[in-house]
N, C-alpha and C. Protein backbone atom coordinates (compact mmCIF):
# COMPACT_ATOMS: atom_id res chain seq x y z
N MET A 1 -120.28 176.65 -35.22
CA MET A 1 -120.27 177.42 -33.97
C MET A 1 -120.83 178.80 -34.23
N ASP A 2 -121.86 179.15 -33.50
CA ASP A 2 -122.49 180.45 -33.62
C ASP A 2 -121.64 181.49 -32.88
N LYS A 3 -121.38 182.60 -33.53
CA LYS A 3 -120.52 183.62 -32.93
C LYS A 3 -121.11 184.17 -31.63
N ASP A 4 -122.44 184.12 -31.51
CA ASP A 4 -123.09 184.59 -30.29
C ASP A 4 -122.74 183.72 -29.09
N ASN A 5 -122.33 182.49 -29.34
CA ASN A 5 -122.00 181.57 -28.26
C ASN A 5 -120.52 181.57 -27.93
N THR A 6 -119.85 182.69 -28.20
CA THR A 6 -118.44 182.83 -27.90
C THR A 6 -118.26 183.84 -26.78
N VAL A 7 -117.47 183.47 -25.78
CA VAL A 7 -117.13 184.38 -24.69
C VAL A 7 -115.67 184.76 -24.87
N PHE A 8 -115.42 186.05 -25.11
CA PHE A 8 -114.05 186.54 -25.26
C PHE A 8 -113.55 187.01 -23.90
N VAL A 9 -112.47 186.38 -23.43
CA VAL A 9 -111.95 186.68 -22.10
C VAL A 9 -110.89 187.77 -22.20
N GLY A 10 -111.03 188.77 -21.34
CA GLY A 10 -110.09 189.89 -21.30
C GLY A 10 -109.59 190.11 -19.89
N ASN A 11 -109.71 191.35 -19.41
CA ASN A 11 -109.12 191.73 -18.12
C ASN A 11 -110.10 191.84 -16.96
N LYS A 12 -111.36 191.50 -17.19
CA LYS A 12 -112.34 191.58 -16.11
C LYS A 12 -112.13 190.42 -15.14
N PRO A 13 -112.78 190.48 -13.98
CA PRO A 13 -112.68 189.34 -13.04
C PRO A 13 -113.24 188.06 -13.66
N VAL A 14 -112.68 186.92 -13.26
CA VAL A 14 -113.05 185.62 -13.82
C VAL A 14 -114.55 185.36 -13.70
N MET A 15 -115.15 185.72 -12.58
CA MET A 15 -116.56 185.41 -12.38
C MET A 15 -117.47 186.11 -13.39
N ASN A 16 -117.05 187.23 -13.93
CA ASN A 16 -117.82 187.89 -15.00
C ASN A 16 -117.93 186.96 -16.21
N TYR A 17 -116.85 186.30 -16.55
CA TYR A 17 -116.84 185.40 -17.71
C TYR A 17 -117.57 184.09 -17.40
N VAL A 18 -117.44 183.60 -16.17
CA VAL A 18 -118.17 182.41 -15.75
C VAL A 18 -119.68 182.67 -15.89
N LEU A 19 -120.13 183.82 -15.44
CA LEU A 19 -121.54 184.19 -15.55
C LEU A 19 -121.97 184.24 -17.02
N ALA A 20 -121.12 184.76 -17.87
CA ALA A 20 -121.43 184.82 -19.30
C ALA A 20 -121.59 183.42 -19.90
N VAL A 21 -120.71 182.49 -19.51
CA VAL A 21 -120.80 181.11 -19.99
C VAL A 21 -122.09 180.46 -19.51
N ILE A 22 -122.39 180.61 -18.23
CA ILE A 22 -123.61 180.02 -17.66
C ILE A 22 -124.84 180.58 -18.36
N THR A 23 -124.84 181.88 -18.61
CA THR A 23 -125.97 182.53 -19.28
C THR A 23 -126.17 181.97 -20.67
N GLN A 24 -125.08 181.72 -21.40
CA GLN A 24 -125.19 181.15 -22.75
C GLN A 24 -125.90 179.79 -22.69
N PHE A 25 -125.49 178.93 -21.77
CA PHE A 25 -126.11 177.61 -21.66
C PHE A 25 -127.56 177.71 -21.19
N ASN A 26 -127.84 178.63 -20.27
CA ASN A 26 -129.21 178.80 -19.79
C ASN A 26 -130.13 179.34 -20.89
N ASN A 27 -129.56 180.02 -21.87
CA ASN A 27 -130.34 180.54 -23.00
C ASN A 27 -130.48 179.51 -24.12
N GLY A 28 -130.06 178.28 -23.87
CA GLY A 28 -130.29 177.20 -24.81
C GLY A 28 -129.13 176.86 -25.74
N ALA A 29 -127.96 177.41 -25.50
CA ALA A 29 -126.80 177.11 -26.36
C ALA A 29 -126.40 175.65 -26.19
N GLU A 30 -126.10 174.99 -27.30
CA GLU A 30 -125.62 173.60 -27.28
C GLU A 30 -124.14 173.56 -26.90
N GLU A 31 -123.38 174.56 -27.40
CA GLU A 31 -121.97 174.65 -27.06
C GLU A 31 -121.55 176.11 -26.95
N VAL A 32 -120.54 176.32 -26.13
CA VAL A 32 -120.00 177.66 -25.90
C VAL A 32 -118.49 177.60 -26.09
N SER A 33 -117.96 178.60 -26.77
CA SER A 33 -116.52 178.70 -27.00
C SER A 33 -115.97 179.82 -26.11
N ILE A 34 -114.91 179.52 -25.38
CA ILE A 34 -114.22 180.51 -24.56
C ILE A 34 -112.91 180.82 -25.25
N LYS A 35 -112.71 182.09 -25.63
CA LYS A 35 -111.51 182.47 -26.37
C LYS A 35 -110.72 183.53 -25.61
N ALA A 36 -109.39 183.44 -25.71
CA ALA A 36 -108.52 184.44 -25.08
C ALA A 36 -107.18 184.47 -25.79
N ARG A 37 -106.49 185.60 -25.61
CA ARG A 37 -105.14 185.75 -26.17
C ARG A 37 -104.20 186.26 -25.09
N GLY A 38 -102.94 185.91 -25.26
CA GLY A 38 -101.88 186.46 -24.41
C GLY A 38 -102.08 186.20 -22.93
N LYS A 39 -101.98 187.27 -22.14
CA LYS A 39 -102.04 187.15 -20.69
C LYS A 39 -103.40 186.72 -20.17
N ALA A 40 -104.44 186.81 -21.00
CA ALA A 40 -105.79 186.42 -20.57
C ALA A 40 -106.02 184.92 -20.67
N ILE A 41 -105.05 184.17 -21.20
CA ILE A 41 -105.23 182.73 -21.38
C ILE A 41 -105.48 182.03 -20.04
N SER A 42 -104.75 182.37 -19.01
CA SER A 42 -104.95 181.71 -17.71
C SER A 42 -106.33 182.04 -17.17
N ARG A 43 -106.84 183.23 -17.43
CA ARG A 43 -108.18 183.60 -16.99
C ARG A 43 -109.24 182.78 -17.75
N ALA A 44 -108.97 182.48 -19.02
CA ALA A 44 -109.89 181.65 -19.81
C ALA A 44 -109.94 180.22 -19.26
N VAL A 45 -108.78 179.68 -18.90
CA VAL A 45 -108.72 178.34 -18.32
C VAL A 45 -109.48 178.33 -17.00
N ASP A 46 -109.27 179.33 -16.17
CA ASP A 46 -110.00 179.43 -14.89
C ASP A 46 -111.50 179.50 -15.14
N THR A 47 -111.91 180.27 -16.14
CA THR A 47 -113.33 180.40 -16.48
C THR A 47 -113.93 179.05 -16.83
N ALA A 48 -113.25 178.29 -17.67
CA ALA A 48 -113.75 176.97 -18.08
C ALA A 48 -113.83 176.02 -16.88
N GLU A 49 -112.78 175.98 -16.09
CA GLU A 49 -112.73 175.03 -14.97
C GLU A 49 -113.77 175.37 -13.90
N ILE A 50 -113.91 176.64 -13.57
CA ILE A 50 -114.91 177.04 -12.56
C ILE A 50 -116.31 176.74 -13.08
N SER A 51 -116.55 177.05 -14.35
CA SER A 51 -117.87 176.78 -14.94
C SER A 51 -118.21 175.30 -14.87
N LEU A 52 -117.26 174.46 -15.27
CA LEU A 52 -117.50 173.02 -15.31
C LEU A 52 -117.61 172.41 -13.92
N ASN A 53 -116.72 172.80 -13.03
CA ASN A 53 -116.63 172.14 -11.72
C ASN A 53 -117.64 172.64 -10.69
N LYS A 54 -118.10 173.88 -10.82
CA LYS A 54 -118.96 174.43 -9.77
C LYS A 54 -120.39 174.71 -10.21
N PHE A 55 -120.61 174.97 -11.50
CA PHE A 55 -121.91 175.49 -11.89
C PHE A 55 -122.67 174.66 -12.92
N LEU A 56 -122.01 174.06 -13.87
CA LEU A 56 -122.70 173.43 -14.99
C LEU A 56 -122.73 171.91 -14.86
N GLN A 57 -123.92 171.36 -14.80
CA GLN A 57 -124.09 169.91 -14.77
C GLN A 57 -124.33 169.44 -16.19
N GLY A 58 -123.73 168.33 -16.58
CA GLY A 58 -123.97 167.77 -17.90
C GLY A 58 -123.26 168.50 -19.03
N VAL A 59 -122.30 169.34 -18.69
CA VAL A 59 -121.51 170.04 -19.70
C VAL A 59 -120.10 169.49 -19.65
N THR A 60 -119.52 169.20 -20.81
CA THR A 60 -118.17 168.65 -20.86
C THR A 60 -117.26 169.52 -21.71
N LYS A 61 -115.98 169.36 -21.47
CA LYS A 61 -114.97 170.05 -22.27
C LYS A 61 -114.81 169.27 -23.56
N GLN A 62 -115.17 169.87 -24.68
CA GLN A 62 -115.15 169.20 -25.98
C GLN A 62 -113.74 169.19 -26.58
N GLY A 63 -113.01 170.28 -26.35
CA GLY A 63 -111.67 170.35 -26.91
C GLY A 63 -111.00 171.67 -26.58
N VAL A 64 -109.69 171.69 -26.77
CA VAL A 64 -108.90 172.89 -26.56
C VAL A 64 -108.05 173.11 -27.80
N ILE A 65 -108.13 174.30 -28.36
CA ILE A 65 -107.36 174.64 -29.55
C ILE A 65 -106.40 175.77 -29.19
N THR A 66 -105.12 175.55 -29.45
CA THR A 66 -104.14 176.61 -29.22
C THR A 66 -103.57 177.04 -30.56
N SER A 67 -103.18 178.30 -30.63
CA SER A 67 -102.59 178.81 -31.87
C SER A 67 -101.78 180.06 -31.56
N THR A 68 -101.09 180.52 -32.57
CA THR A 68 -100.34 181.77 -32.48
C THR A 68 -100.87 182.71 -33.56
N GLU A 69 -101.22 183.91 -33.14
CA GLU A 69 -101.74 184.90 -34.07
C GLU A 69 -100.69 185.99 -34.25
N VAL A 70 -100.56 186.48 -35.47
CA VAL A 70 -99.64 187.58 -35.76
C VAL A 70 -100.43 188.88 -35.68
N ILE A 71 -99.96 189.78 -34.83
CA ILE A 71 -100.66 191.04 -34.60
C ILE A 71 -99.76 192.20 -35.04
N ASP A 72 -100.36 193.18 -35.70
CA ASP A 72 -99.62 194.39 -36.07
C ASP A 72 -99.59 195.36 -34.91
N THR A 73 -98.40 195.83 -34.57
CA THR A 73 -98.25 196.84 -33.52
C THR A 73 -97.49 198.03 -34.10
N GLU A 74 -97.30 199.06 -33.28
CA GLU A 74 -96.56 200.24 -33.75
C GLU A 74 -95.13 199.88 -34.13
N SER A 75 -94.57 198.89 -33.45
CA SER A 75 -93.18 198.50 -33.70
C SER A 75 -93.05 197.32 -34.67
N GLY A 76 -94.11 197.05 -35.43
CA GLY A 76 -94.07 195.94 -36.39
C GLY A 76 -95.02 194.84 -36.00
N GLN A 77 -94.70 193.63 -36.44
CA GLN A 77 -95.57 192.50 -36.13
C GLN A 77 -95.04 191.72 -34.94
N THR A 78 -95.96 191.17 -34.16
CA THR A 78 -95.58 190.35 -33.01
C THR A 78 -96.49 189.13 -32.94
N ASN A 79 -95.99 188.07 -32.35
CA ASN A 79 -96.77 186.85 -32.18
C ASN A 79 -97.46 186.85 -30.83
N VAL A 80 -98.74 186.47 -30.83
CA VAL A 80 -99.50 186.38 -29.59
C VAL A 80 -100.16 185.01 -29.53
N SER A 81 -99.97 184.32 -28.42
CA SER A 81 -100.60 183.01 -28.24
C SER A 81 -102.09 183.19 -28.02
N SER A 82 -102.88 182.22 -28.47
CA SER A 82 -104.32 182.26 -28.25
C SER A 82 -104.83 180.86 -27.92
N ILE A 83 -105.99 180.83 -27.27
CA ILE A 83 -106.61 179.57 -26.87
C ILE A 83 -108.09 179.65 -27.12
N GLU A 84 -108.68 178.52 -27.47
CA GLU A 84 -110.12 178.40 -27.58
C GLU A 84 -110.51 177.11 -26.87
N ILE A 85 -111.42 177.23 -25.90
CA ILE A 85 -111.89 176.09 -25.12
C ILE A 85 -113.36 175.87 -25.47
N LEU A 86 -113.69 174.68 -25.96
CA LEU A 86 -115.06 174.38 -26.37
C LEU A 86 -115.75 173.58 -25.29
N LEU A 87 -116.89 174.08 -24.83
CA LEU A 87 -117.72 173.38 -23.86
C LEU A 87 -119.01 172.97 -24.57
N ARG A 88 -119.47 171.74 -24.31
CA ARG A 88 -120.67 171.23 -24.99
C ARG A 88 -121.64 170.62 -23.97
N GLN A 89 -122.91 170.89 -24.21
CA GLN A 89 -123.99 170.33 -23.40
C GLN A 89 -124.18 168.85 -23.73
N GLY A 90 -124.34 168.03 -22.69
CA GLY A 90 -124.68 166.64 -22.93
C GLY A 90 -123.57 165.68 -23.07
């Protein structure tokens, strides 16, 4: 997986990320990874579903990977859930 073909989902509107995914495929990417952590996970799921259902023909959901990442904060370490959704052309 090429790091350039990764869309990191944060706090922007969902359509910003959908446009980023579509742009990756239009630029010839074979697969695109949508990644998010914590509260942005639902936005990542929305991004994948809107991209697949409304805009991208011939693209399928290859897999979903969930994990927990340990993050250092001022008050020590905390666990943050993360998700990676793989979309593939063809």
